[in-house]
Amino acid sequence: MLAFIGPNGAGKSTTIKVMTGILYSDTGDIKILNINPMKKENN
């Protein structure tokens, strides 16, 4: 089990949305199991 906790406005929902590819970040990079969820060819 994993908990992702923090105060309101800390970016918890935004982080999850970027990790799942729902939102795209303007800067930075993310990889989950060596896959970038922001690239459409992964789908």
N, C-alpha and C. Protein backbone atom coordinates (compact mmCIF):
# COMPACT_ATOMS: atom_id res chain seq x y z
N MET A 1 0.84 -1.16 0.00
CA MET A 1 0.00 0.00 0.00
C MET A 1 0.89 1.23 0.00
N LEU A 2 0.46 2.23 -0.71
CA LEU A 2 1.19 3.48 -0.81
C LEU A 2 0.24 4.62 -0.49
N ALA A 3 0.70 5.56 0.29
CA ALA A 3 -0.11 6.74 0.62
C ALA A 3 0.59 7.97 0.06
N PHE A 4 -0.17 8.84 -0.55
CA PHE A 4 0.32 10.08 -1.11
C PHE A 4 -0.41 11.19 -0.38
N ILE A 5 0.22 11.71 0.68
CA ILE A 5 -0.48 12.66 1.54
C ILE A 5 0.21 14.02 1.55
N GLY A 6 -0.54 15.02 1.93
CA GLY A 6 -0.02 16.37 2.05
C GLY A 6 -1.18 17.34 2.23
N PRO A 7 -0.86 18.58 2.53
CA PRO A 7 -1.92 19.57 2.74
C PRO A 7 -2.61 19.94 1.42
N ASN A 8 -3.76 20.58 1.54
CA ASN A 8 -4.47 21.06 0.35
C ASN A 8 -3.58 21.99 -0.44
N GLY A 9 -3.58 21.83 -1.75
CA GLY A 9 -2.79 22.69 -2.61
C GLY A 9 -1.34 22.27 -2.76
N ALA A 10 -0.98 21.09 -2.26
CA ALA A 10 0.41 20.64 -2.33
C ALA A 10 0.77 20.02 -3.67
N GLY A 11 -0.23 19.73 -4.52
CA GLY A 11 0.04 19.16 -5.84
C GLY A 11 -0.13 17.67 -5.93
N LYS A 12 -0.84 17.07 -4.99
CA LYS A 12 -1.03 15.61 -5.00
C LYS A 12 -1.79 15.17 -6.25
N SER A 13 -2.92 15.77 -6.51
CA SER A 13 -3.74 15.39 -7.67
C SER A 13 -3.02 15.69 -8.98
N THR A 14 -2.35 16.81 -9.03
CA THR A 14 -1.60 17.18 -10.24
C THR A 14 -0.50 16.18 -10.52
N THR A 15 0.20 15.75 -9.48
CA THR A 15 1.27 14.77 -9.65
C THR A 15 0.73 13.46 -10.21
N ILE A 16 -0.38 12.98 -9.66
CA ILE A 16 -0.98 11.73 -10.14
C ILE A 16 -1.43 11.89 -11.60
N LYS A 17 -2.00 13.04 -11.94
CA LYS A 17 -2.45 13.26 -13.32
C LYS A 17 -1.29 13.30 -14.30
N VAL A 18 -0.16 13.87 -13.91
CA VAL A 18 1.03 13.87 -14.76
C VAL A 18 1.57 12.45 -14.89
N MET A 19 1.57 11.70 -13.80
CA MET A 19 2.07 10.32 -13.83
C MET A 19 1.23 9.41 -14.71
N THR A 20 -0.06 9.70 -14.84
CA THR A 20 -0.94 8.87 -15.66
C THR A 20 -1.08 9.37 -17.09
N GLY A 21 -0.51 10.54 -17.39
CA GLY A 21 -0.57 11.07 -18.73
C GLY A 21 -1.79 11.91 -19.02
N ILE A 22 -2.60 12.22 -18.00
CA ILE A 22 -3.78 13.07 -18.20
C ILE A 22 -3.35 14.51 -18.41
N LEU A 23 -2.36 14.96 -17.66
CA LEU A 23 -1.80 16.31 -17.79
C LEU A 23 -0.38 16.20 -18.30
N TYR A 24 0.08 17.26 -18.95
CA TYR A 24 1.44 17.32 -19.45
C TYR A 24 2.16 18.46 -18.75
N SER A 25 3.38 18.22 -18.32
CA SER A 25 4.14 19.27 -17.65
C SER A 25 4.83 20.16 -18.69
N ASP A 26 5.04 21.42 -18.31
CA ASP A 26 5.74 22.36 -19.18
C ASP A 26 7.24 22.11 -19.16
N THR A 27 7.75 21.72 -18.03
CA THR A 27 9.17 21.45 -17.87
C THR A 27 9.35 20.14 -17.10
N GLY A 28 10.52 19.62 -17.15
CA GLY A 28 10.83 18.42 -16.39
C GLY A 28 10.54 17.15 -17.17
N ASP A 29 10.77 16.03 -16.52
CA ASP A 29 10.66 14.73 -17.15
C ASP A 29 10.20 13.73 -16.11
N ILE A 30 9.41 12.76 -16.51
CA ILE A 30 8.98 11.72 -15.60
C ILE A 30 9.03 10.39 -16.34
N LYS A 31 9.47 9.36 -15.65
CA LYS A 31 9.47 8.01 -16.21
C LYS A 31 8.98 7.05 -15.14
N ILE A 32 8.10 6.15 -15.55
CA ILE A 32 7.59 5.11 -14.66
C ILE A 32 7.90 3.79 -15.34
N LEU A 33 8.71 2.97 -14.70
CA LEU A 33 9.18 1.72 -15.29
C LEU A 33 9.80 1.97 -16.66
N ASN A 34 10.58 3.05 -16.74
CA ASN A 34 11.31 3.47 -17.94
C ASN A 34 10.38 3.86 -19.09
N ILE A 35 9.14 4.24 -18.77
CA ILE A 35 8.18 4.71 -19.76
C ILE A 35 7.80 6.13 -19.41
N ASN A 36 7.80 7.00 -20.41
CA ASN A 36 7.39 8.38 -20.22
C ASN A 36 5.90 8.46 -20.52
N PRO A 37 5.03 8.68 -19.50
CA PRO A 37 3.58 8.69 -19.74
C PRO A 37 3.10 9.88 -20.56
N MET A 38 3.94 10.89 -20.77
CA MET A 38 3.54 12.06 -21.54
C MET A 38 3.70 11.85 -23.05
N LYS A 39 4.33 10.78 -23.47
CA LYS A 39 4.49 10.49 -24.89
C LYS A 39 3.35 9.61 -25.37
N LYS A 40 2.71 10.02 -26.45
CA LYS A 40 1.54 9.30 -26.95
C LYS A 40 1.87 7.91 -27.49
N GLU A 41 3.09 7.67 -27.96
CA GLU A 41 3.40 6.37 -28.54
C GLU A 41 3.45 5.25 -27.49
N ASN A 42 3.42 5.62 -26.19
CA ASN A 42 3.40 4.60 -25.14
C ASN A 42 2.03 3.98 -24.98
N ASN A 43 1.00 4.62 -25.52
CA ASN A 43 -0.37 4.14 -25.29
C ASN A 43 -0.76 3.06 -26.23
